[in-house]
């Protein structure tokens, strides 16, 4: 007697079996598609992120290049400073800032930042600065006095063009420089306080009318003769005397070396009419207003220079 179960499934069973296989296959395909889709989305997101990063990098590179271009432009401007007329440019102020300027009825004073004296990375004092040579030269002069009151009394007694240079140092490092000019010195350069104030404001530079490289000794260690150049480019020779004071602040340990450079020139080199002509030239004016005229002419020198005074005494 044969079994009721056959080795072969009926068509109905085969259909159910096939249907189950199809479902399993469909699920596998769906899962694969879902995985593929997720993978593609991740790849797209990675590409988008990479593109954004590339764009940012490009933008940063552009900004950096622009900054470099601006720095180069600024550097090129600094390389070509504008002089005041035919005067020299003070080498120190080419790469440094004028922190403060003070103008009174008798003098002009500027405080300077000595940033080019030091290497920013290791703090070592640089040897290439013009003012390093200046400091060495001043250190070679004998110190005349050390008291503050004596120095002030000496300054008040001066009746000739002078330049006062103060070098302030702390622990043998230069921390500040100040320069002071009386009005006679400005006239010797062919300018006045209004011209120098405008020039400093617009260019952050100081003019210079004499050069240490052109000094040669005369009548002793502290007496010299040097060439002077003024705003118009005129040159003349003048005698000069140098006197140095040392002041030590015990509370701050700051040492100040105050040097006076006195120019013993003739009065003809302090001609206020030349200052007036140079004023018109500098500001590109055709004529002066009454106020400007008074401002220029009221600062006429009241006393003769010591050089002229001595000459007159000798002729008596």
C-alpha atoms as a PDB file:
ATOM      1  CA  UNK A   1       0.000   0.000   0.000  1.00  0.00           C
ATOM      2  CA  UNK A   2       1.492   3.232  -0.984  1.00  0.00           C
ATOM      3  CA  UNK A   3       1.893   6.316   1.366  1.00  0.00           C
ATOM      4  CA  UNK A   4      -0.425   9.246   1.126  1.00  0.00           C
ATOM      5  CA  UNK A   5       2.670  11.560   1.138  1.00  0.00           C
ATOM      6  CA  UNK A   6       4.475  11.807  -2.130  1.00  0.00           C
ATOM      7  CA  UNK A   7       8.154  12.619  -2.661  1.00  0.00           C
ATOM      8  CA  UNK A   8       7.067  15.534  -4.840  1.00  0.00           C
ATOM      9  CA  UNK A   9       5.133  18.561  -3.494  1.00  0.00           C
ATOM     10  CA  UNK A  10       1.836  19.431  -4.958  1.00  0.00           C
ATOM     11  CA  UNK A  11       1.572  22.502  -7.225  1.00  0.00           C
ATOM     12  CA  UNK A  12      -0.019  24.452  -4.327  1.00  0.00           C
ATOM     13  CA  UNK A  13       2.930  23.747  -1.997  1.00  0.00           C
ATOM     14  CA  UNK A  14       5.384  24.611  -4.700  1.00  0.00           C
ATOM     15  CA  UNK A  15       3.626  27.924  -5.173  1.00  0.00           C
ATOM     16  CA  UNK A  16       3.883  28.772  -1.464  1.00  0.00           C
ATOM     17  CA  UNK A  17       7.538  27.792  -1.415  1.00  0.00           C
ATOM     18  CA  UNK A  18       8.305  29.949  -4.404  1.00  0.00           C
ATOM     19  CA  UNK A  19       6.464  32.848  -2.878  1.00  0.00           C
ATOM     20  CA  UNK A  20       8.551  32.617   0.321  1.00  0.00           C
ATOM     21  CA  UNK A  21      11.762  32.528  -1.692  1.00  0.00           C
ATOM     22  CA  UNK A  22      10.638  35.581  -3.648  1.00  0.00           C
ATOM     23  CA  UNK A  23       9.970  37.467  -0.417  1.00  0.00           C
ATOM     24  CA  UNK A  24      13.364  36.555   0.975  1.00  0.00           C
ATOM     25  CA  UNK A  25      15.032  37.589  -2.285  1.00  0.00           C
ATOM     26  CA  UNK A  26      13.040  40.837  -2.358  1.00  0.00           C
ATOM     27  CA  UNK A  27      14.041  41.663   1.209  1.00  0.00           C
ATOM     28  CA  UNK A  28      17.689  41.017   0.379  1.00  0.00           C
ATOM     29  CA  UNK A  29      17.445  43.260  -2.685  1.00  0.00           C
ATOM     30  CA  UNK A  30      15.672  45.980  -0.688  1.00  0.00           C
ATOM     31  CA  UNK A  31      18.286  45.803   2.040  1.00  0.00           C
ATOM     32  CA  UNK A  32      21.064  45.970  -0.540  1.00  0.00           C
ATOM     33  CA  UNK A  33      19.404  48.955  -2.243  1.00  0.00           C
ATOM     34  CA  UNK A  34      18.999  50.706   1.113  1.00  0.00           C
ATOM     35  CA  UNK A  35      22.678  50.077   1.952  1.00  0.00           C
ATOM     36  CA  UNK A  36      23.725  51.255  -1.498  1.00  0.00           C
ATOM     37  CA  UNK A  37      21.590  54.396  -1.146  1.00  0.00           C
ATOM     38  CA  UNK A  38      23.039  55.172   2.281  1.00  0.00           C
ATOM     39  CA  UNK A  39      26.538  54.610   0.969  1.00  0.00           C
ATOM     40  CA  UNK A  40      25.886  56.933  -1.976  1.00  0.00           C
ATOM     41  CA  UNK A  41      24.456  59.596   0.354  1.00  0.00           C
ATOM     42  CA  UNK A  42      27.533  59.350   2.577  1.00  0.00           C
ATOM     43  CA  UNK A  43      29.770  59.634  -0.473  1.00  0.00           C
ATOM     44  CA  UNK A  44      27.776  62.645  -1.683  1.00  0.00           C
ATOM     45  CA  UNK A  45      28.019  64.245   1.756  1.00  0.00           C
ATOM     46  CA  UNK A  46      31.774  63.556   1.812  1.00  0.00           C
ATOM     47  CA  UNK A  47      32.133  65.121  -1.643  1.00  0.00           C
ATOM     48  CA  UNK A  48      30.073  68.153  -0.589  1.00  0.00           C
ATOM     49  CA  UNK A  49      32.113  68.531   2.618  1.00  0.00           C
ATOM     50  CA  UNK A  50      35.356  68.156   0.680  1.00  0.00           C
ATOM     51  CA  UNK A  51      34.154  70.743  -1.814  1.00  0.00           C
ATOM     52  CA  UNK A  52      33.229  73.148   0.994  1.00  0.00           C
ATOM     53  CA  UNK A  53      36.591  72.620   2.682  1.00  0.00           C
ATOM     54  CA  UNK A  54      38.354  73.194  -0.624  1.00  0.00           C
ATOM     55  CA  UNK A  55      36.368  76.372  -1.137  1.00  0.00           C
ATOM     56  CA  UNK A  56      37.223  77.551   2.383  1.00  0.00           C
ATOM     57  CA  UNK A  57      40.879  76.718   1.851  1.00  0.00           C
ATOM     58  CA  UNK A  58      40.810  78.612  -1.443  1.00  0.00           C
ATOM     59  CA  UNK A  59      39.193  81.581   0.297  1.00  0.00           C
ATOM     60  CA  UNK A  60      41.706  81.483   3.143  1.00  0.00           C
ATOM     61  CA  UNK A  61      44.558  81.262   0.649  1.00  0.00           C
ATOM     62  CA  UNK A  62      43.092  84.266  -1.180  1.00  0.00           C
ATOM     63  CA  UNK A  63      42.775  86.228   2.061  1.00  0.00           C
ATOM     64  CA  UNK A  64      46.356  85.360   3.047  1.00  0.00           C
ATOM     65  CA  UNK A  65      47.606  86.355  -0.395  1.00  0.00           C
ATOM     66  CA  UNK A  66      45.671  89.613  -0.126  1.00  0.00           C
ATOM     67  CA  UNK A  67      47.176  90.291   3.302  1.00  0.00           C
ATOM     68  CA  UNK A  68      50.645  89.556   1.927  1.00  0.00           C
ATOM     69  CA  UNK A  69      49.919  91.841  -1.005  1.00  0.00           C
ATOM     70  CA  UNK A  70      48.818  94.612   1.381  1.00  0.00           C
ATOM     71  CA  UNK A  71      51.907  94.065   3.551  1.00  0.00           C
ATOM     72  CA  UNK A  72      54.107  94.245   0.455  1.00  0.00           C
ATOM     73  CA  UNK A  73      52.349  97.432  -0.601  1.00  0.00           C
ATOM     74  CA  UNK A  74      52.869  98.942   2.853  1.00  0.00           C
ATOM     75  CA  UNK A  75      56.497  97.828   2.791  1.00  0.00           C
ATOM     76  CA  UNK A  76      56.985  99.395  -0.613  1.00  0.00           C
ATOM     77  CA  UNK A  77      55.512 102.632   0.728  1.00  0.00           C
ATOM     78  CA  UNK A  78      57.852 102.520   3.719  1.00  0.00           C
ATOM     79  CA  UNK A  79      60.814 101.901   1.474  1.00  0.00           C
ATOM     80  CA  UNK A  80      60.134 105.229  -0.255  1.00  0.00           C
ATOM     81  CA  UNK A  81      59.497 107.758   2.537  1.00  0.00           C
ATOM     82  CA  UNK A  82      58.716 111.323   1.552  1.00  0.00           C
ATOM     83  CA  UNK A  83      61.305 113.876   2.734  1.00  0.00           C
ATOM     84  CA  UNK A  84      60.448 117.324   4.049  1.00  0.00           C
ATOM     85  CA  UNK A  85      61.684 119.568   1.274  1.00  0.00           C
ATOM     86  CA  UNK A  86      65.403 118.913   0.718  1.00  0.00           C
ATOM     87  CA  UNK A  87      66.044 117.883   4.318  1.00  0.00           C
ATOM     88  CA  UNK A  88      67.302 114.416   5.220  1.00  0.00           C
ATOM     89  CA  UNK A  89      64.992 111.862   6.801  1.00  0.00           C
ATOM     90  CA  UNK A  90      65.829 110.704  10.296  1.00  0.00           C
ATOM     91  CA  UNK A  91      66.743 107.023   9.743  1.00  0.00           C
ATOM     92  CA  UNK A  92      65.273 105.980  13.037  1.00  0.00           C
ATOM     93  CA  UNK A  93      61.730 107.128  12.221  1.00  0.00           C
ATOM     94  CA  UNK A  94      61.628 105.187   8.930  1.00  0.00           C
ATOM     95  CA  UNK A  95      60.747 101.954  10.756  1.00  0.00           C
ATOM     96  CA  UNK A  96      59.422 103.216  14.069  1.00  0.00           C
ATOM     97  CA  UNK A  97      56.555 105.166  15.510  1.00  0.00           C
ATOM     98  CA  UNK A  98      56.426 108.653  16.907  1.00  0.00           C
ATOM     99  CA  UNK A  99      54.418 108.009  20.048  1.00  0.00           C
ATOM    100  CA  UNK A 100      53.837 111.584  21.112  1.00  0.00           C
ATOM    101  CA  UNK A 101      54.646 115.121  20.053  1.00  0.00           C
ATOM    102  CA  UNK A 102      54.521 118.243  22.160  1.00  0.00           C
ATOM    103  CA  UNK A 103      54.551 121.761  20.761  1.00  0.00           C
ATOM    104  CA  UNK A 104      54.926 124.855  22.932  1.00  0.00           C
ATOM    105  CA  UNK A 105      55.713 128.486  22.213  1.00  0.00           C
ATOM    106  CA  UNK A 106      59.440 127.718  22.484  1.00  0.00           C
ATOM    107  CA  UNK A 107      60.131 124.150  21.328  1.00  0.00           C
ATOM    108  CA  UNK A 108      58.940 120.947  19.661  1.00  0.00           C
ATOM    109  CA  UNK A 109      59.482 117.616  21.429  1.00  0.00           C
ATOM    110  CA  UNK A 110      58.802 114.089  20.148  1.00  0.00           C
ATOM    111  CA  UNK A 111      58.847 110.775  22.000  1.00  0.00           C
ATOM    112  CA  UNK A 112      59.826 107.814  19.859  1.00  0.00           C
ATOM    113  CA  UNK A 113      59.437 104.042  20.125  1.00  0.00           C
ATOM    114  CA  UNK A 114      62.807 102.268  19.691  1.00  0.00           C
ATOM    115  CA  UNK A 115      61.388  99.021  18.260  1.00  0.00           C
ATOM    116  CA  UNK A 116      64.181  98.501  15.749  1.00  0.00           C
ATOM    117  CA  UNK A 117      66.765  98.208  18.520  1.00  0.00           C
ATOM    118  CA  UNK A 118      65.637  94.718  19.446  1.00  0.00           C
ATOM    119  CA  UNK A 119      65.117  91.361  17.851  1.00  0.00           C
ATOM    120  CA  UNK A 120      61.515  90.439  18.749  1.00  0.00           C
ATOM    121  CA  UNK A 121      62.348  86.729  19.025  1.00  0.00           C
ATOM    122  CA  UNK A 122      65.305  86.800  21.376  1.00  0.00           C
ATOM    123  CA  UNK A 123      65.351  90.358  22.694  1.00  0.00           C
ATOM    124  CA  UNK A 124      68.911  91.010  21.538  1.00  0.00           C
ATOM    125  CA  UNK A 125      69.843  94.552  20.693  1.00  0.00           C
ATOM    126  CA  UNK A 126      70.475  95.028  17.004  1.00  0.00           C
ATOM    127  CA  UNK A 127      73.774  96.493  15.864  1.00  0.00           C
ATOM    128  CA  UNK A 128      72.650  97.917  12.536  1.00  0.00           C
ATOM    129  CA  UNK A 129      70.649 100.867  13.803  1.00  0.00           C
ATOM    130  CA  UNK A 130      71.803 104.393  13.130  1.00  0.00           C
ATOM    131  CA  UNK A 131      70.972 105.257  16.708  1.00  0.00           C
ATOM    132  CA  UNK A 132      73.163 102.476  18.012  1.00  0.00           C
ATOM    133  CA  UNK A 133      76.069 104.297  16.386  1.00  0.00           C
ATOM    134  CA  UNK A 134      74.675 107.531  17.790  1.00  0.00           C
ATOM    135  CA  UNK A 135      74.614 106.066  21.298  1.00  0.00           C
ATOM    136  CA  UNK A 136      78.184 104.807  20.937  1.00  0.00           C
ATOM    137  CA  UNK A 137      79.330 108.239  19.800  1.00  0.00           C
ATOM    138  CA  UNK A 138      77.602 109.974  22.715  1.00  0.00           C
ATOM    139  CA  UNK A 139      79.102 107.483  25.150  1.00  0.00           C
ATOM    140  CA  UNK A 140      82.549 108.564  23.986  1.00  0.00           C
ATOM    141  CA  UNK A 141      81.967 112.140  25.215  1.00  0.00           C
ATOM    142  CA  UNK A 142      82.874 113.100  28.775  1.00  0.00           C
ATOM    143  CA  UNK A 143      79.885 113.591  31.070  1.00  0.00           C
ATOM    144  CA  UNK A 144      79.671 117.252  32.033  1.00  0.00           C
ATOM    145  CA  UNK A 145      77.200 117.043  34.921  1.00  0.00           C
ATOM    146  CA  UNK A 146      74.828 114.616  36.571  1.00  0.00           C
ATOM    147  CA  UNK A 147      72.289 116.772  38.405  1.00  0.00           C
ATOM    148  CA  UNK A 148      68.809 117.400  36.993  1.00  0.00           C
ATOM    149  CA  UNK A 149      68.688 120.998  38.196  1.00  0.00           C
ATOM    150  CA  UNK A 150      72.104 121.714  36.706  1.00  0.00           C
ATOM    151  CA  UNK A 151      70.992 120.297  33.366  1.00  0.00           C
ATOM    152  CA  UNK A 152      67.802 122.376  33.337  1.00  0.00           C
ATOM    153  CA  UNK A 153      69.758 125.471  34.221  1.00  0.00           C
ATOM    154  CA  UNK A 154      72.136 124.747  31.351  1.00  0.00           C
ATOM    155  CA  UNK A 155      69.229 124.300  28.908  1.00  0.00           C
ATOM    156  CA  UNK A 156      67.628 127.584  29.997  1.00  0.00           C
ATOM    157  CA  UNK A 157      70.890 129.399  29.334  1.00  0.00           C
ATOM    158  CA  UNK A 158      71.124 128.286  25.684  1.00  0.00           C
ATOM    159  CA  UNK A 159      70.546 131.078  23.161  1.00  0.00           C
ATOM    160  CA  UNK A 160      71.414 129.292  19.906  1.00  0.00           C
ATOM    161  CA  UNK A 161      69.817 126.530  17.814  1.00  0.00           C
ATOM    162  CA  UNK A 162      70.016 123.237  19.662  1.00  0.00           C
ATOM    163  CA  UNK A 163      68.812 119.667  19.426  1.00  0.00           C
ATOM    164  CA  UNK A 164      68.347 117.694  22.630  1.00  0.00           C
ATOM    165  CA  UNK A 165      68.414 113.901  22.354  1.00  0.00           C
ATOM    166  CA  UNK A 166      67.470 111.751  25.337  1.00  0.00           C
ATOM    167  CA  UNK A 167      68.247 108.030  25.357  1.00  0.00           C
ATOM    168  CA  UNK A 168      66.442 106.182  28.178  1.00  0.00           C
ATOM    169  CA  UNK A 169      67.651 102.702  29.062  1.00  0.00           C
ATOM    170  CA  UNK A 170      66.721  99.998  31.552  1.00  0.00           C
ATOM    171  CA  UNK A 171      69.118  97.134  32.292  1.00  0.00           C
ATOM    172  CA  UNK A 172      71.327  98.292  29.404  1.00  0.00           C
ATOM    173  CA  UNK A 173      68.411  98.113  26.947  1.00  0.00           C
ATOM    174  CA  UNK A 174      67.160 101.210  25.182  1.00  0.00           C
ATOM    175  CA  UNK A 175      63.469 101.728  25.978  1.00  0.00           C
ATOM    176  CA  UNK A 176      62.755 105.270  24.798  1.00  0.00           C
ATOM    177  CA  UNK A 177      64.140 108.093  22.695  1.00  0.00           C
ATOM    178  CA  UNK A 178      62.995 111.689  22.750  1.00  0.00           C
ATOM    179  CA  UNK A 179      64.116 114.580  20.570  1.00  0.00           C
ATOM    180  CA  UNK A 180      63.622 118.226  21.358  1.00  0.00           C
ATOM    181  CA  UNK A 181      64.241 121.209  19.076  1.00  0.00           C
ATOM    182  CA  UNK A 182      63.992 124.860  19.971  1.00  0.00           C
ATOM    183  CA  UNK A 183      62.489 127.280  17.452  1.00  0.00           C
ATOM    184  CA  UNK A 184      65.932 128.556  16.436  1.00  0.00           C
ATOM    185  CA  UNK A 185      66.787 125.018  15.324  1.00  0.00           C
ATOM    186  CA  UNK A 186      63.569 124.844  13.276  1.00  0.00           C
ATOM    187  CA  UNK A 187      64.461 128.146  11.589  1.00  0.00           C
ATOM    188  CA  UNK A 188      67.938 126.803  10.834  1.00  0.00           C
ATOM    189  CA  UNK A 189      66.168 123.973   8.940  1.00  0.00           C
ATOM    190  CA  UNK A 190      63.978 126.576   7.201  1.00  0.00           C
ATOM    191  CA  UNK A 191      60.705 125.462   8.789  1.00  0.00           C
ATOM    192  CA  UNK A 192      58.460 126.331  11.730  1.00  0.00           C
ATOM    193  CA  UNK A 193      56.319 124.455  14.254  1.00  0.00           C
ATOM    194  CA  UNK A 194      53.256 124.323  11.946  1.00  0.00           C
ATOM    195  CA  UNK A 195      55.206 122.669   9.120  1.00  0.00           C
ATOM    196  CA  UNK A 196      56.855 120.069  11.373  1.00  0.00           C
ATOM    197  CA  UNK A 197      53.558 119.260  13.104  1.00  0.00           C
ATOM    198  CA  UNK A 198      51.805 118.660   9.769  1.00  0.00           C
ATOM    199  CA  UNK A 199      54.719 116.595   8.436  1.00  0.00           C
ATOM    200  CA  UNK A 200      54.785 114.340  11.503  1.00  0.00           C
ATOM    201  CA  UNK A 201      51.006 113.893  11.406  1.00  0.00           C
ATOM    202  CA  UNK A 202      50.954 112.864   7.734  1.00  0.00           C
ATOM    203  CA  UNK A 203      54.178 110.848   7.452  1.00  0.00           C
ATOM    204  CA  UNK A 204      55.201 109.766  10.977  1.00  0.00           C
ATOM    205  CA  UNK A 205      58.749 110.881  10.164  1.00  0.00           C
ATOM    206  CA  UNK A 206      61.210 113.425  11.458  1.00  0.00           C
ATOM    207  CA  UNK A 207      63.538 115.511   9.285  1.00  0.00           C
ATOM    208  CA  UNK A 208      67.253 115.832   9.880  1.00  0.00           C
ATOM    209  CA  UNK A 209      69.535 118.632   8.725  1.00  0.00           C
ATOM    210  CA  UNK A 210      72.964 117.228   9.600  1.00  0.00           C
ATOM    211  CA  UNK A 211      74.767 113.903   9.442  1.00  0.00           C
ATOM    212  CA  UNK A 212      77.173 112.344  11.912  1.00  0.00           C
ATOM    213  CA  UNK A 213      79.161 110.851   9.063  1.00  0.00           C
ATOM    214  CA  UNK A 214      80.139 114.377   7.998  1.00  0.00           C
ATOM    215  CA  UNK A 215      81.453 115.540  11.356  1.00  0.00           C
ATOM    216  CA  UNK A 216      85.154 116.043  11.872  1.00  0.00           C
ATOM    217  CA  UNK A 217      86.967 117.052  15.031  1.00  0.00           C
ATOM    218  CA  UNK A 218      87.934 120.631  15.748  1.00  0.00           C
ATOM    219  CA  UNK A 219      89.338 122.380  18.815  1.00  0.00           C
ATOM    220  CA  UNK A 220      89.126 119.364  21.113  1.00  0.00           C
ATOM    221  CA  UNK A 221      86.981 116.331  21.664  1.00  0.00           C
ATOM    222  CA  UNK A 222      83.576 117.989  22.009  1.00  0.00           C
ATOM    223  CA  UNK A 223      83.905 120.692  19.337  1.00  0.00           C
ATOM    224  CA  UNK A 224      82.976 119.884  15.770  1.00  0.00           C
ATOM    225  CA  UNK A 225      82.182 121.387  12.422  1.00  0.00           C
ATOM    226  CA  UNK A 226      79.448 119.940  10.257  1.00  0.00           C
ATOM    227  CA  UNK A 227      77.525 120.571   7.065  1.00  0.00           C
ATOM    228  CA  UNK A 228      73.927 121.764   7.429  1.00  0.00           C
ATOM    229  CA  UNK A 229      71.217 121.479   4.768  1.00  0.00           C
ATOM    230  CA  UNK A 230      67.919 123.345   4.971  1.00  0.00           C
ATOM    231  CA  UNK A 231      64.443 122.923   3.464  1.00  0.00           C
ATOM    232  CA  UNK A 232      65.439 124.675   0.232  1.00  0.00           C
ATOM    233  CA  UNK A 233      68.561 122.531  -0.191  1.00  0.00           C
ATOM    234  CA  UNK A 234      70.994 125.281   0.735  1.00  0.00           C
ATOM    235  CA  UNK A 235      74.148 124.020   2.453  1.00  0.00           C
ATOM    236  CA  UNK A 236      76.427 125.794   4.880  1.00  0.00           C
ATOM    237  CA  UNK A 237      79.066 124.888   7.451  1.00  0.00           C
ATOM    238  CA  UNK A 238      78.568 125.574  11.143  1.00  0.00           C
ATOM    239  CA  UNK A 239      80.470 124.961  14.366  1.00  0.00           C
ATOM    240  CA  UNK A 240      78.767 122.777  16.962  1.00  0.00           C
ATOM    241  CA  UNK A 241      79.303 121.816  20.589  1.00  0.00           C
ATOM    242  CA  UNK A 242      78.104 118.633  22.255  1.00  0.00           C
ATOM    243  CA  UNK A 243      77.412 118.342  25.964  1.00  0.00           C
ATOM    244  CA  UNK A 244      76.132 115.216  27.721  1.00  0.00           C
ATOM    245  CA  UNK A 245      74.375 114.729  31.050  1.00  0.00           C
ATOM    246  CA  UNK A 246      73.649 111.439  32.803  1.00  0.00           C
ATOM    247  CA  UNK A 247      70.611 111.068  35.068  1.00  0.00           C
ATOM    248  CA  UNK A 248      69.841 107.936  37.094  1.00  0.00           C
ATOM    249  CA  UNK A 249      66.363 107.363  38.528  1.00  0.00           C
ATOM    250  CA  UNK A 250      66.935 105.251  41.641  1.00  0.00           C
ATOM    251  CA  UNK A 251      63.287 104.271  42.083  1.00  0.00           C
ATOM    252  CA  UNK A 252      62.826 102.957  38.516  1.00  0.00           C
ATOM    253  CA  UNK A 253      66.467 102.105  37.679  1.00  0.00           C
ATOM    254  CA  UNK A 254      66.024 104.000  34.405  1.00  0.00           C
ATOM    255  CA  UNK A 255      69.175 105.683  33.145  1.00  0.00           C
ATOM    256  CA  UNK A 256      68.812 108.745  30.927  1.00  0.00           C
ATOM    257  CA  UNK A 257      71.580 110.063  28.739  1.00  0.00           C
ATOM    258  CA  UNK A 258      70.712 113.627  27.735  1.00  0.00           C
ATOM    259  CA  UNK A 259      72.837 115.144  24.990  1.00  0.00           C
ATOM    260  CA  UNK A 260      72.683 118.729  23.711  1.00  0.00           C
ATOM    261  CA  UNK A 261      73.965 119.476  20.235  1.00  0.00           C
ATOM    262  CA  UNK A 262      74.448 123.242  19.926  1.00  0.00           C
ATOM    263  CA  UNK A 263      74.842 124.865  16.515  1.00  0.00           C
ATOM    264  CA  UNK A 264      76.880 128.066  16.552  1.00  0.00           C
ATOM    265  CA  UNK A 265      75.671 129.586  13.313  1.00  0.00           C
ATOM    266  CA  UNK A 266      75.271 133.138  12.086  1.00  0.00           C
ATOM    267  CA  UNK A 267      71.916 134.879  12.330  1.00  0.00           C
ATOM    268  CA  UNK A 268      71.603 135.029   8.546  1.00  0.00           C
ATOM    269  CA  UNK A 269      70.952 131.280   8.579  1.00  0.00           C
ATOM    270  CA  UNK A 270      67.868 131.809  10.762  1.00  0.00           C
ATOM    271  CA  UNK A 271      66.121 134.120   8.278  1.00  0.00           C
ATOM    272  CA  UNK A 272      62.379 134.133   8.965  1.00  0.00           C
ATOM    273  CA  UNK A 273      61.672 135.328   5.405  1.00  0.00           C
ATOM    274  CA  UNK A 274      62.979 131.984   4.144  1.00  0.00           C
ATOM    275  CA  UNK A 275      60.689 130.211   6.588  1.00  0.00           C
ATOM    276  CA  UNK A 276      57.770 132.187   5.170  1.00  0.00           C
ATOM    277  CA  UNK A 277      58.687 131.219   1.589  1.00  0.00           C
ATOM    278  CA  UNK A 278      59.067 127.569   2.587  1.00  0.00           C
ATOM    279  CA  UNK A 279      55.708 127.683   4.383  1.00  0.00           C
ATOM    280  CA  UNK A 280      53.999 128.818   1.172  1.00  0.00           C
ATOM    281  CA  UNK A 281      55.807 126.111  -0.780  1.00  0.00           C
ATOM    282  CA  UNK A 282      55.010 123.292   1.674  1.00  0.00           C
ATOM    283  CA  UNK A 283      51.282 124.057   1.918  1.00  0.00           C
ATOM    284  CA  UNK A 284      51.061 125.129  -1.748  1.00  0.00           C
ATOM    285  CA  UNK A 285      49.737 128.588  -0.864  1.00  0.00           C
ATOM    286  CA  UNK A 286      49.939 131.818  -2.837  1.00  0.00           C
ATOM    287  CA  UNK A 287      49.783 134.136   0.159  1.00  0.00           C
ATOM    288  CA  UNK A 288      49.518 134.051   3.944  1.00  0.00           C
ATOM    289  CA  UNK A 289      46.539 134.985   6.069  1.00  0.00           C
ATOM    290  CA  UNK A 290      47.261 137.577   8.791  1.00  0.00           C
ATOM    291  CA  UNK A 291      47.135 134.862  11.483  1.00  0.00           C
ATOM    292  CA  UNK A 292      49.645 132.652   9.657  1.00  0.00           C
ATOM    293  CA  UNK A 293      51.914 135.617   8.961  1.00  0.00           C
ATOM    294  CA  UNK A 294      51.882 136.536  12.656  1.00  0.00           C
ATOM    295  CA  UNK A 295      52.508 132.907  13.665  1.00  0.00           C
ATOM    296  CA  UNK A 296      55.636 132.760  11.498  1.00  0.00           C
ATOM    297  CA  UNK A 297      57.065 136.191  12.317  1.00  0.00           C
ATOM    298  CA  UNK A 298      56.390 136.292  16.054  1.00  0.00           C
ATOM    299  CA  UNK A 299      58.963 133.522  16.580  1.00  0.00           C
ATOM    300  CA  UNK A 300      61.860 135.614  15.313  1.00  0.00           C
ATOM    301  CA  UNK A 301      65.087 134.942  17.181  1.00  0.00           C
ATOM    302  CA  UNK A 302      65.422 137.367  20.088  1.00  0.00           C
ATOM    303  CA  UNK A 303      69.125 136.814  20.752  1.00  0.00           C
ATOM    304  CA  UNK A 304      72.127 136.356  18.560  1.00  0.00           C
ATOM    305  CA  UNK A 305      73.739 132.911  18.465  1.00  0.00           C
ATOM    306  CA  UNK A 306      76.654 132.459  20.837  1.00  0.00           C
ATOM    307  CA  UNK A 307      79.011 132.146  17.863  1.00  0.00           C
ATOM    308  CA  UNK A 308      78.012 135.598  16.569  1.00  0.00           C
ATOM    309  CA  UNK A 309      78.046 137.060  20.042  1.00  0.00           C
ATOM    310  CA  UNK A 310      81.586 135.851  20.615  1.00  0.00           C
ATOM    311  CA  UNK A 311      82.686 137.197  17.223  1.00  0.00           C
ATOM    312  CA  UNK A 312      81.329 140.655  18.051  1.00  0.00           C
ATOM    313  CA  UNK A 313      83.167 140.642  21.370  1.00  0.00           C
ATOM    314  CA  UNK A 314      86.364 139.635  19.618  1.00  0.00           C
ATOM    315  CA  UNK A 315      86.026 142.546  17.188  1.00  0.00           C
ATOM    316  CA  UNK A 316      85.795 145.102  19.978  1.00  0.00           C
END
